[in-house]
Amino acid sequence: MIVQKKRLGELVLRSEEPEALVKFYHEVIGLELFAAPGTTTFLKVADDLEGHPQLLVIFDSKHAYSGPRHMKSGRADSRSGTLHHFAFALEAKDFALERERLQNMNVALAFDEHPAFGWRSIYMHDPDGNSVELVFYDASILNPDLNRRVLSAIDR
């Protein structure tokens, strides 16, 4: 079986206060405003496939939608979904700068290391309470034995 490579094209958040989310992702996370048709705002994460960059999209709670099956239309209660968190990957050279910038903005932050993958992370919450991660690869914390174990679990 041939599996074509796939990339994340967009992630959509519905909000009862979309302006607060747009401001957070634009000003705090630093995403570029891409488009704003009607009550929807598209923020560009990165260039990717021709014609479709990687996007974070903010929908007003009243916007018609196609997701989570049990979410009530017209509501954007962050507790009703299954989203745990999502992450933006950074280059190693940018991690310390982002940490300092966010601390200077008085954003509440938590930090963690994930030696099974060699990842260092900063965690924060957006205005709707979604957990947002900034992560980068740091070979100095990679535990090769643990990495082999977690990667081999896929073969079971």
C-alpha atoms as a PDB file:
ATOM      1  CA  MET A   1       0.000   0.000   0.000  1.00  0.00           C
ATOM      2  CA  ILE A   2       1.362   3.407  -0.976  1.00  0.00           C
ATOM      3  CA  VAL A   3       0.566   6.165   1.480  1.00  0.00           C
ATOM      4  CA  GLN A   4       0.910   9.717   0.233  1.00  0.00           C
ATOM      5  CA  LYS A   5       2.559  12.229   2.536  1.00  0.00           C
ATOM      6  CA  LYS A   6       0.118  14.459   4.319  1.00  0.00           C
ATOM      7  CA  ARG A   7       0.559  17.732   6.148  1.00  0.00           C
ATOM      8  CA  LEU A   8      -1.645  19.600   8.529  1.00  0.00           C
ATOM      9  CA  GLY A   9      -3.462  22.136   6.362  1.00  0.00           C
ATOM     10  CA  GLU A  10      -5.537  23.848   8.998  1.00  0.00           C
ATOM     11  CA  LEU A  11      -6.735  23.595  12.528  1.00  0.00           C
ATOM     12  CA  VAL A  12     -10.041  25.315  13.339  1.00  0.00           C
ATOM     13  CA  LEU A  13     -11.103  26.673  16.723  1.00  0.00           C
ATOM     14  CA  ARG A  14     -14.655  27.894  17.336  1.00  0.00           C
ATOM     15  CA  SER A  15     -15.042  30.616  19.919  1.00  0.00           C
ATOM     16  CA  GLU A  16     -17.696  32.667  21.625  1.00  0.00           C
ATOM     17  CA  GLU A  17     -15.055  35.437  21.761  1.00  0.00           C
ATOM     18  CA  PRO A  18     -13.245  35.102  18.415  1.00  0.00           C
ATOM     19  CA  GLU A  19     -11.672  38.578  18.584  1.00  0.00           C
ATOM     20  CA  ALA A  20      -9.816  37.611  21.793  1.00  0.00           C
ATOM     21  CA  LEU A  21      -8.503  34.424  20.154  1.00  0.00           C
ATOM     22  CA  VAL A  22      -7.402  36.243  16.994  1.00  0.00           C
ATOM     23  CA  LYS A  23      -5.589  38.834  19.111  1.00  0.00           C
ATOM     24  CA  PHE A  24      -3.854  36.087  21.153  1.00  0.00           C
ATOM     25  CA  TYR A  25      -2.673  34.064  18.157  1.00  0.00           C
ATOM     26  CA  HIS A  26      -1.617  37.171  16.237  1.00  0.00           C
ATOM     27  CA  GLU A  27       0.017  39.174  19.031  1.00  0.00           C
ATOM     28  CA  VAL A  28       1.178  36.515  21.518  1.00  0.00           C
ATOM     29  CA  ILE A  29       1.947  33.538  19.278  1.00  0.00           C
ATOM     30  CA  GLY A  30       2.944  35.765  16.329  1.00  0.00           C
ATOM     31  CA  LEU A  31       0.886  34.252  13.514  1.00  0.00           C
ATOM     32  CA  GLU A  32       0.343  36.306  10.370  1.00  0.00           C
ATOM     33  CA  LEU A  33      -3.185  37.449   9.517  1.00  0.00           C
ATOM     34  CA  PHE A  34      -4.001  35.697   6.227  1.00  0.00           C
ATOM     35  CA  ALA A  35      -7.682  36.320   5.432  1.00  0.00           C
ATOM     36  CA  ALA A  36     -10.900  37.356   7.158  1.00  0.00           C
ATOM     37  CA  PRO A  37     -14.034  36.428   5.187  1.00  0.00           C
ATOM     38  CA  GLY A  38     -17.112  37.246   7.241  1.00  0.00           C
ATOM     39  CA  THR A  39     -16.882  36.046  10.841  1.00  0.00           C
ATOM     40  CA  THR A  40     -13.901  33.772  10.167  1.00  0.00           C
ATOM     41  CA  THR A  41     -10.224  34.689  10.513  1.00  0.00           C
ATOM     42  CA  PHE A  42      -7.399  32.688   8.939  1.00  0.00           C
ATOM     43  CA  LEU A  43      -3.941  33.036  10.520  1.00  0.00           C
ATOM     44  CA  LYS A  44      -0.916  31.681   8.654  1.00  0.00           C
ATOM     45  CA  VAL A  45       1.376  29.352  10.565  1.00  0.00           C
ATOM     46  CA  ALA A  46       3.768  28.645   7.676  1.00  0.00           C
ATOM     47  CA  ASP A  47       3.968  28.251   3.921  1.00  0.00           C
ATOM     48  CA  ASP A  48       3.433  24.660   2.861  1.00  0.00           C
ATOM     49  CA  LEU A  49       1.731  23.255  -0.229  1.00  0.00           C
ATOM     50  CA  GLU A  50       1.179  25.518  -3.194  1.00  0.00           C
ATOM     51  CA  GLY A  51      -2.115  27.307  -2.754  1.00  0.00           C
ATOM     52  CA  HIS A  52      -2.655  26.159   0.847  1.00  0.00           C
ATOM     53  CA  PRO A  53      -0.411  27.359   3.660  1.00  0.00           C
ATOM     54  CA  GLN A  54      -0.642  25.837   7.131  1.00  0.00           C
ATOM     55  CA  LEU A  55      -3.439  27.757   8.871  1.00  0.00           C
ATOM     56  CA  LEU A  56      -5.035  28.249  12.238  1.00  0.00           C
ATOM     57  CA  VAL A  57      -8.631  29.322  11.664  1.00  0.00           C
ATOM     58  CA  ILE A  58     -10.879  31.038  14.194  1.00  0.00           C
ATOM     59  CA  PHE A  59     -14.636  30.636  13.684  1.00  0.00           C
ATOM     60  CA  ASP A  60     -17.301  32.572  15.517  1.00  0.00           C
ATOM     61  CA  SER A  61     -19.422  30.075  17.501  1.00  0.00           C
ATOM     62  CA  LYS A  62     -22.420  30.776  15.254  1.00  0.00           C
ATOM     63  CA  HIS A  63     -20.517  29.767  12.100  1.00  0.00           C
ATOM     64  CA  ALA A  64     -21.771  26.568  10.438  1.00  0.00           C
ATOM     65  CA  TYR A  65     -19.368  23.745  11.151  1.00  0.00           C
ATOM     66  CA  SER A  66     -18.684  20.086  10.558  1.00  0.00           C
ATOM     67  CA  GLY A  67     -17.073  18.963  13.723  1.00  0.00           C
ATOM     68  CA  PRO A  68     -17.209  17.452  16.865  1.00  0.00           C
ATOM     69  CA  ARG A  69     -20.297  15.347  16.429  1.00  0.00           C
ATOM     70  CA  HIS A  70     -21.718  16.020  19.901  1.00  0.00           C
ATOM     71  CA  MET A  71     -20.892  19.733  20.141  1.00  0.00           C
ATOM     72  CA  LYS A  72     -23.974  21.894  20.367  1.00  0.00           C
ATOM     73  CA  SER A  73     -24.472  24.259  17.456  1.00  0.00           C
ATOM     74  CA  GLY A  74     -24.115  27.908  18.425  1.00  0.00           C
ATOM     75  CA  ARG A  75     -21.857  27.095  21.397  1.00  0.00           C
ATOM     76  CA  ALA A  76     -18.086  26.981  21.599  1.00  0.00           C
ATOM     77  CA  ASP A  77     -17.571  25.419  25.006  1.00  0.00           C
ATOM     78  CA  SER A  78     -13.933  24.344  25.065  1.00  0.00           C
ATOM     79  CA  ARG A  79     -14.766  21.678  27.665  1.00  0.00           C
ATOM     80  CA  SER A  80     -17.027  19.792  25.248  1.00  0.00           C
ATOM     81  CA  GLY A  81     -14.355  18.720  22.773  1.00  0.00           C
ATOM     82  CA  THR A  82     -11.532  16.201  22.926  1.00  0.00           C
ATOM     83  CA  LEU A  83      -8.686  18.573  22.098  1.00  0.00           C
ATOM     84  CA  HIS A  84      -5.814  18.020  24.535  1.00  0.00           C
ATOM     85  CA  HIS A  85      -3.433  20.605  23.081  1.00  0.00           C
ATOM     86  CA  PHE A  86      -1.720  21.536  19.858  1.00  0.00           C
ATOM     87  CA  ALA A  87       1.850  22.615  19.214  1.00  0.00           C
ATOM     88  CA  PHE A  88       3.768  25.014  17.032  1.00  0.00           C
ATOM     89  CA  ALA A  89       7.264  23.752  16.173  1.00  0.00           C
ATOM     90  CA  LEU A  90      10.096  26.263  16.458  1.00  0.00           C
ATOM     91  CA  GLU A  91      13.694  26.269  15.355  1.00  0.00           C
ATOM     92  CA  ALA A  92      16.140  25.809  18.239  1.00  0.00           C
ATOM     93  CA  LYS A  93      17.622  29.279  17.706  1.00  0.00           C
ATOM     94  CA  ASP A  94      14.204  30.877  18.299  1.00  0.00           C
ATOM     95  CA  PHE A  95      13.182  29.029  21.462  1.00  0.00           C
ATOM     96  CA  ALA A  96      15.014  31.181  24.051  1.00  0.00           C
ATOM     97  CA  LEU A  97      13.894  34.362  22.292  1.00  0.00           C
ATOM     98  CA  GLU A  98      10.248  33.244  22.350  1.00  0.00           C
ATOM     99  CA  ARG A  99      10.513  32.254  26.011  1.00  0.00           C
ATOM    100  CA  GLU A 100      11.906  35.678  26.928  1.00  0.00           C
ATOM    101  CA  ARG A 101       9.366  37.528  24.745  1.00  0.00           C
ATOM    102  CA  LEU A 102       6.434  35.665  26.310  1.00  0.00           C
ATOM    103  CA  GLN A 103       7.758  36.163  29.831  1.00  0.00           C
ATOM    104  CA  ASN A 104       8.109  39.910  29.128  1.00  0.00           C
ATOM    105  CA  MET A 105       4.429  39.895  28.063  1.00  0.00           C
ATOM    106  CA  ASN A 106       3.563  38.287  31.436  1.00  0.00           C
ATOM    107  CA  VAL A 107       2.033  35.239  29.742  1.00  0.00           C
ATOM    108  CA  ALA A 108       1.601  32.381  32.245  1.00  0.00           C
ATOM    109  CA  LEU A 109       3.965  29.645  31.048  1.00  0.00           C
ATOM    110  CA  ALA A 110       4.873  26.079  31.990  1.00  0.00           C
ATOM    111  CA  PHE A 111       7.951  24.226  30.751  1.00  0.00           C
ATOM    112  CA  ASP A 112       8.695  20.559  30.119  1.00  0.00           C
ATOM    113  CA  GLU A 113      11.204  18.243  28.446  1.00  0.00           C
ATOM    114  CA  HIS A 114      10.373  15.073  26.536  1.00  0.00           C
ATOM    115  CA  PRO A 115      13.564  12.954  26.366  1.00  0.00           C
ATOM    116  CA  ALA A 116      11.886  10.161  24.391  1.00  0.00           C
ATOM    117  CA  PHE A 117      11.759  12.569  21.445  1.00  0.00           C
ATOM    118  CA  GLY A 118      14.383  15.178  22.345  1.00  0.00           C
ATOM    119  CA  TRP A 119      11.789  17.934  22.603  1.00  0.00           C
ATOM    120  CA  ARG A 120      11.733  20.999  24.881  1.00  0.00           C
ATOM    121  CA  SER A 121       8.355  22.652  25.343  1.00  0.00           C
ATOM    122  CA  ILE A 122       6.679  25.818  26.544  1.00  0.00           C
ATOM    123  CA  TYR A 123       2.985  25.498  27.406  1.00  0.00           C
ATOM    124  CA  MET A 124       0.376  28.230  27.820  1.00  0.00           C
ATOM    125  CA  HIS A 125      -3.379  28.698  27.480  1.00  0.00           C
ATOM    126  CA  ASP A 126      -5.252  30.833  24.988  1.00  0.00           C
ATOM    127  CA  PRO A 127      -8.219  33.017  26.062  1.00  0.00           C
ATOM    128  CA  ASP A 128     -10.645  30.094  25.562  1.00  0.00           C
ATOM    129  CA  GLY A 129      -8.534  27.795  27.761  1.00  0.00           C
ATOM    130  CA  ASN A 130      -7.018  25.690  24.959  1.00  0.00           C
ATOM    131  CA  SER A 131      -3.539  24.398  25.788  1.00  0.00           C
ATOM    132  CA  VAL A 132      -0.950  25.676  23.299  1.00  0.00           C
ATOM    133  CA  GLU A 133       2.613  24.352  23.044  1.00  0.00           C
ATOM    134  CA  LEU A 134       5.762  25.773  21.476  1.00  0.00           C
ATOM    135  CA  VAL A 135       8.279  22.965  20.917  1.00  0.00           C
ATOM    136  CA  PHE A 136      11.739  22.442  19.447  1.00  0.00           C
ATOM    137  CA  TYR A 137      14.128  19.535  18.978  1.00  0.00           C
ATOM    138  CA  ASP A 138      17.166  19.475  21.272  1.00  0.00           C
ATOM    139  CA  ALA A 139      19.468  16.517  20.641  1.00  0.00           C
ATOM    140  CA  SER A 140      21.180  17.093  24.005  1.00  0.00           C
ATOM    141  CA  ILE A 141      18.128  15.820  25.902  1.00  0.00           C
ATOM    142  CA  LEU A 142      17.283  12.917  23.557  1.00  0.00           C
ATOM    143  CA  ASN A 143      17.385   9.571  25.369  1.00  0.00           C
ATOM    144  CA  PRO A 144      18.199   7.068  22.559  1.00  0.00           C
ATOM    145  CA  ASP A 145      17.049   3.996  24.546  1.00  0.00           C
ATOM    146  CA  LEU A 146      13.724   5.587  25.404  1.00  0.00           C
ATOM    147  CA  ASN A 147      13.363   6.839  21.824  1.00  0.00           C
ATOM    148  CA  ARG A 148      13.868   3.324  20.410  1.00  0.00           C
ATOM    149  CA  ARG A 149      11.301   1.959  22.859  1.00  0.00           C
ATOM    150  CA  VAL A 150       8.564   4.457  21.993  1.00  0.00           C
ATOM    151  CA  LEU A 151       9.198   4.234  18.255  1.00  0.00           C
ATOM    152  CA  SER A 152       9.217   0.419  18.288  1.00  0.00           C
ATOM    153  CA  ALA A 153       5.812   0.409  20.000  1.00  0.00           C
ATOM    154  CA  ILE A 154       4.344   1.301  16.587  1.00  0.00           C
ATOM    155  CA  ASP A 155       5.500  -2.051  15.164  1.00  0.00           C
ATOM    156  CA  ARG A 156       3.405  -4.088  17.624  1.00  0.00           C
END
